Amino acid sequence: MGEDKKVIRIPISYIQRMKNQKGIGYIPCEVSGRYLMFDNHVHDNGLIMMDVMTNNGEADKKLCEMVLNFDDLAKLVAEVSDSRKD
């Protein structure tokens, strides 16, 4: 095999590959094929849209849609982050 045919593979995890494919807003479940897919912006009324998705190995399927208050979500993440420091 000549030098021009040499393939150098860059190791990448499955999770990182999925994050690259799905883009910003993708948050996978650690124990199932489900994931959250957030909108990439907060609407003027302070709400953010989120789809609960699943992948059964063939195609992605939307299970439901949720509309969350962004400030409530940010507050929850901050509180959970603070509790991890204890």
N, C-alpha and C. Protein backbone atom coordinates (compact mmCIF):
# COMPACT_ATOMS: atom_id res chain seq x y z
N MET A 1 0.85 -1.18 0.00
CA MET A 1 0.00 0.00 0.00
C MET A 1 0.90 1.24 0.00
N GLY A 2 0.63 2.17 -0.89
CA GLY A 2 1.44 3.38 -0.99
C GLY A 2 1.10 4.38 0.09
N GLU A 3 1.94 5.36 0.22
CA GLU A 3 1.74 6.40 1.25
C GLU A 3 0.44 7.17 1.04
N ASP A 4 0.01 7.34 -0.21
CA ASP A 4 -1.22 8.08 -0.48
C ASP A 4 -2.47 7.31 -0.08
N LYS A 5 -2.36 6.03 0.16
CA LYS A 5 -3.50 5.18 0.56
C LYS A 5 -3.58 4.98 2.07
N LYS A 6 -2.61 5.51 2.82
CA LYS A 6 -2.57 5.29 4.26
C LYS A 6 -3.68 6.09 4.95
N VAL A 7 -4.45 5.41 5.78
CA VAL A 7 -5.53 6.06 6.53
C VAL A 7 -5.11 6.13 7.99
N ILE A 8 -5.18 7.31 8.53
CA ILE A 8 -4.87 7.49 9.96
C ILE A 8 -6.19 7.79 10.67
N ARG A 9 -6.60 6.89 11.52
CA ARG A 9 -7.86 7.07 12.26
C ARG A 9 -7.61 7.88 13.52
N ILE A 10 -8.50 8.82 13.75
CA ILE A 10 -8.44 9.62 14.97
C ILE A 10 -9.47 9.02 15.92
N PRO A 11 -9.03 8.56 17.09
CA PRO A 11 -9.98 7.92 18.00
C PRO A 11 -11.01 8.93 18.51
N ILE A 12 -12.26 8.54 18.45
CA ILE A 12 -13.35 9.38 18.94
C ILE A 12 -14.39 8.46 19.56
N SER A 13 -14.93 8.85 20.69
CA SER A 13 -15.92 8.02 21.37
C SER A 13 -17.28 8.12 20.67
N TYR A 14 -18.12 7.15 20.94
CA TYR A 14 -19.48 7.16 20.39
C TYR A 14 -20.22 8.41 20.82
N ILE A 15 -20.12 8.75 22.10
CA ILE A 15 -20.82 9.94 22.63
C ILE A 15 -20.34 11.20 21.91
N GLN A 16 -19.04 11.34 21.73
CA GLN A 16 -18.52 12.53 21.05
C GLN A 16 -18.97 12.57 19.58
N ARG A 17 -19.01 11.41 18.93
CA ARG A 17 -19.47 11.36 17.55
C ARG A 17 -20.93 11.80 17.46
N MET A 18 -21.76 11.35 18.41
CA MET A 18 -23.17 11.74 18.42
C MET A 18 -23.32 13.24 18.70
N LYS A 19 -22.52 13.76 19.62
CA LYS A 19 -22.57 15.20 19.89
C LYS A 19 -22.20 16.00 18.65
N ASN A 20 -21.22 15.52 17.91
CA ASN A 20 -20.81 16.18 16.67
C ASN A 20 -21.92 16.13 15.62
N GLN A 21 -22.61 14.99 15.54
CA GLN A 21 -23.67 14.82 14.54
C GLN A 21 -24.93 15.61 14.90
N LYS A 22 -25.33 15.57 16.17
CA LYS A 22 -26.59 16.20 16.59
C LYS A 22 -26.46 17.70 16.80
N GLY A 23 -25.27 18.16 17.19
CA GLY A 23 -25.04 19.59 17.36
C GLY A 23 -25.38 20.09 18.75
N ILE A 24 -25.37 21.41 18.85
CA ILE A 24 -25.65 22.08 20.13
C ILE A 24 -27.06 21.71 20.56
N GLY A 25 -27.24 21.43 21.83
CA GLY A 25 -28.56 21.10 22.37
C GLY A 25 -28.75 19.63 22.64
N TYR A 26 -27.83 18.80 22.19
CA TYR A 26 -27.94 17.35 22.38
C TYR A 26 -27.37 16.97 23.74
N ILE A 27 -28.20 16.31 24.56
CA ILE A 27 -27.76 15.79 25.85
C ILE A 27 -28.21 14.34 25.95
N PRO A 28 -27.27 13.39 25.91
CA PRO A 28 -27.65 11.98 25.91
C PRO A 28 -27.95 11.44 27.31
N CYS A 29 -28.83 10.45 27.36
CA CYS A 29 -29.04 9.68 28.57
C CYS A 29 -27.84 8.75 28.71
N GLU A 30 -27.37 8.57 29.91
CA GLU A 30 -26.19 7.73 30.15
C GLU A 30 -26.50 6.24 30.16
N VAL A 31 -27.79 5.85 30.22
CA VAL A 31 -28.12 4.42 30.34
C VAL A 31 -29.11 3.91 29.29
N SER A 32 -29.52 4.76 28.36
CA SER A 32 -30.46 4.30 27.33
C SER A 32 -30.18 5.03 26.02
N GLY A 33 -30.94 4.73 25.01
CA GLY A 33 -30.81 5.38 23.72
C GLY A 33 -31.58 6.68 23.63
N ARG A 34 -32.06 7.16 24.76
CA ARG A 34 -32.82 8.40 24.76
C ARG A 34 -31.91 9.61 24.91
N TYR A 35 -32.42 10.75 24.49
CA TYR A 35 -31.66 11.98 24.64
C TYR A 35 -32.59 13.19 24.60
N LEU A 36 -32.08 14.30 25.10
CA LEU A 36 -32.79 15.57 25.06
C LEU A 36 -32.19 16.38 23.92
N MET A 37 -33.06 17.08 23.21
CA MET A 37 -32.61 17.96 22.14
C MET A 37 -33.24 19.33 22.37
N PHE A 38 -32.40 20.25 22.87
CA PHE A 38 -32.86 21.60 23.18
C PHE A 38 -32.78 22.49 21.95
N ASP A 39 -33.69 23.49 21.91
CA ASP A 39 -33.57 24.57 20.93
C ASP A 39 -32.25 25.28 21.19
N ASN A 40 -31.73 25.93 20.19
CA ASN A 40 -30.46 26.63 20.40
C ASN A 40 -30.66 28.09 20.79
N HIS A 41 -31.88 28.45 21.18
CA HIS A 41 -32.11 29.81 21.67
C HIS A 41 -33.28 29.85 22.65
N VAL A 42 -33.26 30.89 23.46
CA VAL A 42 -34.34 31.13 24.41
C VAL A 42 -35.29 32.14 23.76
N HIS A 43 -36.56 31.85 23.78
CA HIS A 43 -37.55 32.74 23.18
C HIS A 43 -37.71 34.01 24.01
N ASP A 44 -38.29 35.03 23.41
CA ASP A 44 -38.46 36.32 24.07
C ASP A 44 -39.21 36.22 25.39
N ASN A 45 -40.10 35.25 25.52
CA ASN A 45 -40.87 35.09 26.75
C ASN A 45 -40.13 34.29 27.82
N GLY A 46 -38.84 33.97 27.57
CA GLY A 46 -38.02 33.26 28.56
C GLY A 46 -38.16 31.76 28.53
N LEU A 47 -38.83 31.23 27.52
CA LEU A 47 -39.05 29.79 27.43
C LEU A 47 -38.08 29.17 26.44
N ILE A 48 -37.75 27.91 26.70
CA ILE A 48 -36.89 27.14 25.81
C ILE A 48 -37.61 25.82 25.50
N MET A 49 -37.53 25.41 24.24
CA MET A 49 -38.19 24.19 23.79
C MET A 49 -37.20 23.03 23.89
N MET A 50 -37.74 21.86 24.21
CA MET A 50 -36.90 20.67 24.34
C MET A 50 -37.69 19.46 23.85
N ASP A 51 -37.07 18.65 23.02
CA ASP A 51 -37.68 17.40 22.58
C ASP A 51 -37.04 16.24 23.34
N VAL A 52 -37.86 15.30 23.78
CA VAL A 52 -37.37 14.05 24.36
C VAL A 52 -37.38 13.04 23.22
N MET A 53 -36.18 12.54 22.88
CA MET A 53 -36.02 11.69 21.70
C MET A 53 -35.52 10.30 22.11
N THR A 54 -35.71 9.34 21.22
CA THR A 54 -35.15 8.02 21.41
C THR A 54 -34.60 7.52 20.09
N ASN A 55 -33.61 6.65 20.19
CA ASN A 55 -33.05 6.01 19.01
C ASN A 55 -33.12 4.51 19.26
N ASN A 56 -33.95 3.84 18.48
CA ASN A 56 -34.12 2.41 18.66
C ASN A 56 -33.16 1.60 17.80
N GLY A 57 -32.13 2.25 17.28
CA GLY A 57 -31.15 1.57 16.45
C GLY A 57 -31.41 1.77 14.97
N GLU A 58 -32.60 2.21 14.61
CA GLU A 58 -32.93 2.42 13.20
C GLU A 58 -33.06 3.91 12.89
N ALA A 59 -33.92 4.59 13.62
CA ALA A 59 -34.16 6.00 13.35
C ALA A 59 -34.53 6.72 14.65
N ASP A 60 -34.25 8.01 14.68
CA ASP A 60 -34.63 8.80 15.84
C ASP A 60 -36.14 9.00 15.85
N LYS A 61 -36.71 8.99 17.06
CA LYS A 61 -38.15 9.17 17.21
C LYS A 61 -38.40 10.16 18.33
N LYS A 62 -39.26 11.13 18.08
CA LYS A 62 -39.63 12.11 19.09
C LYS A 62 -40.70 11.52 19.99
N LEU A 63 -40.41 11.48 21.30
CA LEU A 63 -41.37 10.94 22.26
C LEU A 63 -42.35 12.01 22.72
N CYS A 64 -41.81 13.19 23.03
CA CYS A 64 -42.65 14.30 23.43
C CYS A 64 -41.85 15.60 23.36
N GLU A 65 -42.56 16.70 23.49
CA GLU A 65 -41.93 18.02 23.51
C GLU A 65 -42.24 18.67 24.84
N MET A 66 -41.27 19.39 25.37
CA MET A 66 -41.48 20.11 26.62
C MET A 66 -41.10 21.57 26.40
N VAL A 67 -41.81 22.44 27.11
CA VAL A 67 -41.51 23.87 27.08
C VAL A 67 -41.14 24.26 28.51
N LEU A 68 -39.89 24.69 28.69
CA LEU A 68 -39.37 24.97 30.03
C LEU A 68 -39.04 26.45 30.17
N ASN A 69 -39.14 26.93 31.39
CA ASN A 69 -38.69 28.28 31.70
C ASN A 69 -37.18 28.22 31.83
N PHE A 70 -36.48 28.99 31.01
CA PHE A 70 -35.02 28.94 30.99
C PHE A 70 -34.43 29.31 32.34
N ASP A 71 -34.96 30.33 33.01
CA ASP A 71 -34.42 30.75 34.31
C ASP A 71 -34.56 29.64 35.35
N ASP A 72 -35.69 28.91 35.32
CA ASP A 72 -35.87 27.78 36.24
C ASP A 72 -34.83 26.69 35.96
N LEU A 73 -34.60 26.42 34.69
CA LEU A 73 -33.63 25.41 34.31
C LEU A 73 -32.21 25.81 34.73
N ALA A 74 -31.86 27.06 34.48
CA ALA A 74 -30.52 27.55 34.86
C ALA A 74 -30.34 27.51 36.38
N LYS A 75 -31.39 27.87 37.11
CA LYS A 75 -31.33 27.85 38.58
C LYS A 75 -31.11 26.42 39.08
N LEU A 76 -31.83 25.47 38.50
CA LEU A 76 -31.68 24.06 38.89
C LEU A 76 -30.27 23.56 38.63
N VAL A 77 -29.73 23.87 37.47
CA VAL A 77 -28.37 23.43 37.14
C VAL A 77 -27.36 24.05 38.10
N ALA A 78 -27.54 25.32 38.45
CA ALA A 78 -26.64 25.98 39.39
C ALA A 78 -26.72 25.34 40.78
N GLU A 79 -27.94 25.03 41.23
CA GLU A 79 -28.12 24.41 42.55
C GLU A 79 -27.52 23.01 42.58
N VAL A 80 -27.72 22.25 41.54
CA VAL A 80 -27.16 20.90 41.49
C VAL A 80 -25.63 20.98 41.43
N SER A 81 -25.10 21.94 40.67
CA SER A 81 -23.65 22.12 40.59
C SER A 81 -23.07 22.48 41.96
N ASP A 82 -23.75 23.35 42.70
CA ASP A 82 -23.30 23.73 44.04
C ASP A 82 -23.31 22.54 44.99
N SER A 83 -24.32 21.67 44.86
CA SER A 83 -24.41 20.52 45.77
C SER A 83 -23.31 19.49 45.50
N ARG A 84 -22.77 19.48 44.30
CA ARG A 84 -21.67 18.54 43.97
C ARG A 84 -20.39 18.93 44.69
N LYS A 85 -20.26 20.20 45.07
CA LYS A 85 -19.03 20.69 45.72
C LYS A 85 -18.98 20.29 47.19
N ASP A 86 -20.13 19.94 47.75
CA ASP A 86 -20.18 19.58 49.18
C ASP A 86 -19.56 18.23 49.46
